[in-house]
Amino acid sequence: MLLNTIKSALVVFAVLSGGTAAAFAAGCAVADPTGTPLNLRSAPQGSVLSTLPNGTAVVIVEERTLAGKRWAKVTAADGMLGWVFASYLDCTMAGDNTKSAPMKPRTPPQ
């Protein structure tokens, strides 16, 4: 529910500022395959501001590619804003009912 509130606020901001929210209105969850909290940085490859545990809901507000790697500027429900390595996010685009592939697909029991 809080993630939907963040998405709605992003859409309202984009409409009021004359922009579009579709490019960045992605509801995501932290899915760091290393199992450690994901570093939230001041800039791509910048200093660490905080960490986000797996499963934390975030919204992408900007994306950038640096040295061939995709970085996402995200906001979390607690208001934290910073940059994360985008490959460690599991996202669903606004209006899209499908999810991205999981980081580690489960093997069905035999």
Protein backbone atom coordinates (compact mmCIF):
# COMPACT_ATOMS: atom_id res chain seq x y z
CA MET A 1 0.00 0.00 0.00
CA LEU A 2 2.83 2.41 0.86
CA LEU A 3 4.52 1.57 -2.45
CA ASN A 4 1.31 2.50 -4.30
CA THR A 5 1.25 5.83 -2.43
CA ILE A 6 4.84 6.52 -3.51
CA LYS A 7 3.99 5.62 -7.12
CA SER A 8 0.94 7.90 -7.06
CA ALA A 9 2.99 10.79 -5.70
CA LEU A 10 5.57 10.26 -8.44
CA VAL A 11 2.87 10.33 -11.14
CA VAL A 12 1.30 13.49 -9.68
CA PHE A 13 4.72 15.17 -9.54
CA ALA A 14 5.46 14.22 -13.15
CA VAL A 15 2.09 15.48 -14.39
CA LEU A 16 2.37 18.76 -12.50
CA SER A 17 5.90 19.32 -13.75
CA GLY A 18 4.86 18.64 -17.36
CA GLY A 19 6.83 15.40 -17.59
CA THR A 20 5.85 11.79 -17.81
CA ALA A 21 6.18 9.25 -15.07
CA ALA A 22 6.06 6.16 -17.25
CA ALA A 23 9.82 6.10 -17.86
CA PHE A 24 10.66 5.76 -14.17
CA ALA A 25 7.43 4.70 -12.46
CA ALA A 26 8.73 1.29 -11.55
CA GLY A 27 7.83 -0.33 -8.27
CA CYS A 28 10.82 -2.43 -7.29
CA ALA A 29 12.11 -4.53 -4.46
CA VAL A 30 15.74 -4.97 -3.45
CA ALA A 31 16.93 -8.41 -4.59
CA ASP A 32 20.67 -8.52 -3.92
CA PRO A 33 21.83 -12.04 -4.86
CA THR A 34 24.74 -11.85 -2.40
CA GLY A 35 22.26 -11.85 0.49
CA THR A 36 23.85 -8.73 2.00
CA PRO A 37 22.07 -5.37 2.25
CA LEU A 38 22.29 -3.27 -0.93
CA ASN A 39 24.39 -0.11 -0.65
CA LEU A 40 22.47 3.15 -1.16
CA ARG A 41 25.00 5.63 -2.55
CA SER A 42 25.29 9.40 -2.98
CA ALA A 43 25.99 8.89 -6.72
CA PRO A 44 26.77 5.93 -8.99
CA GLN A 45 29.90 4.44 -7.39
CA GLY A 46 29.71 7.23 -4.76
CA SER A 47 30.00 7.06 -1.01
CA VAL A 48 27.61 4.78 0.89
CA LEU A 49 24.75 6.67 2.58
CA SER A 50 22.89 3.68 3.97
CA THR A 51 21.94 0.08 3.13
CA LEU A 52 18.67 -1.51 2.05
CA PRO A 53 17.84 -5.10 3.05
CA ASN A 54 16.44 -7.56 0.50
CA GLY A 55 12.71 -7.10 0.00
CA THR A 56 12.76 -3.34 0.67
CA ALA A 57 10.27 -1.57 -1.63
CA VAL A 58 11.76 1.28 -3.69
CA VAL A 59 10.67 3.44 -6.62
CA ILE A 60 13.10 4.33 -9.42
CA VAL A 61 13.18 8.07 -10.11
CA GLU A 62 16.17 8.19 -12.48
CA GLU A 63 18.49 5.81 -14.32
CA ARG A 64 22.04 6.23 -15.58
CA THR A 65 24.68 4.02 -17.19
CA LEU A 66 28.25 4.34 -15.96
CA ALA A 67 31.11 2.20 -17.29
CA GLY A 68 28.56 -0.10 -18.94
CA LYS A 69 26.64 -0.71 -15.70
CA ARG A 70 23.09 0.47 -15.05
CA TRP A 71 22.47 2.49 -11.90
CA ALA A 72 19.09 3.55 -10.51
CA LYS A 73 18.31 6.53 -8.30
CA VAL A 74 15.64 5.24 -5.94
CA THR A 75 13.47 6.46 -3.12
CA ALA A 76 12.45 4.16 -0.29
CA ALA A 77 9.33 4.35 1.87
CA ASP A 78 11.33 5.96 4.70
CA GLY A 79 12.24 8.87 2.40
CA MET A 80 15.83 7.79 1.75
CA LEU A 81 17.01 8.81 -1.71
CA GLY A 82 20.14 7.49 -3.38
CA TRP A 83 21.74 5.38 -6.10
CA VAL A 84 21.85 1.57 -6.27
CA PHE A 85 23.20 -0.97 -8.75
CA ALA A 86 20.09 -1.59 -10.88
CA SER A 87 20.80 -5.28 -11.49
CA TYR A 88 20.03 -5.87 -7.81
CA LEU A 89 16.42 -4.71 -8.15
CA ASP A 90 13.38 -6.80 -9.06
CA CYS A 91 10.96 -4.41 -10.80
CA THR A 92 7.47 -4.21 -12.24
CA MET A 93 6.70 -1.32 -14.58
CA ALA A 94 3.61 0.78 -13.80
CA GLY A 95 0.55 -0.77 -15.42
CA ASP A 96 2.43 -4.01 -16.13
CA ASN A 97 1.15 -7.07 -14.31
CA THR A 98 4.24 -9.14 -15.11
CA LYS A 99 7.37 -9.25 -13.00
CA SER A 100 10.96 -9.37 -14.08
CA ALA A 101 12.73 -12.72 -13.86
CA PRO A 102 13.80 -13.62 -10.34
CA MET A 103 17.47 -13.28 -9.49
CA LYS A 104 17.74 -16.97 -8.53
CA PRO A 105 14.98 -19.14 -10.07
CA ARG A 106 13.85 -21.91 -7.77
CA THR A 107 14.19 -25.52 -8.83
CA PRO A 108 10.92 -27.41 -8.41
CA PRO A 109 11.00 -30.33 -5.96
CA GLN A 110 11.49 -33.74 -7.53
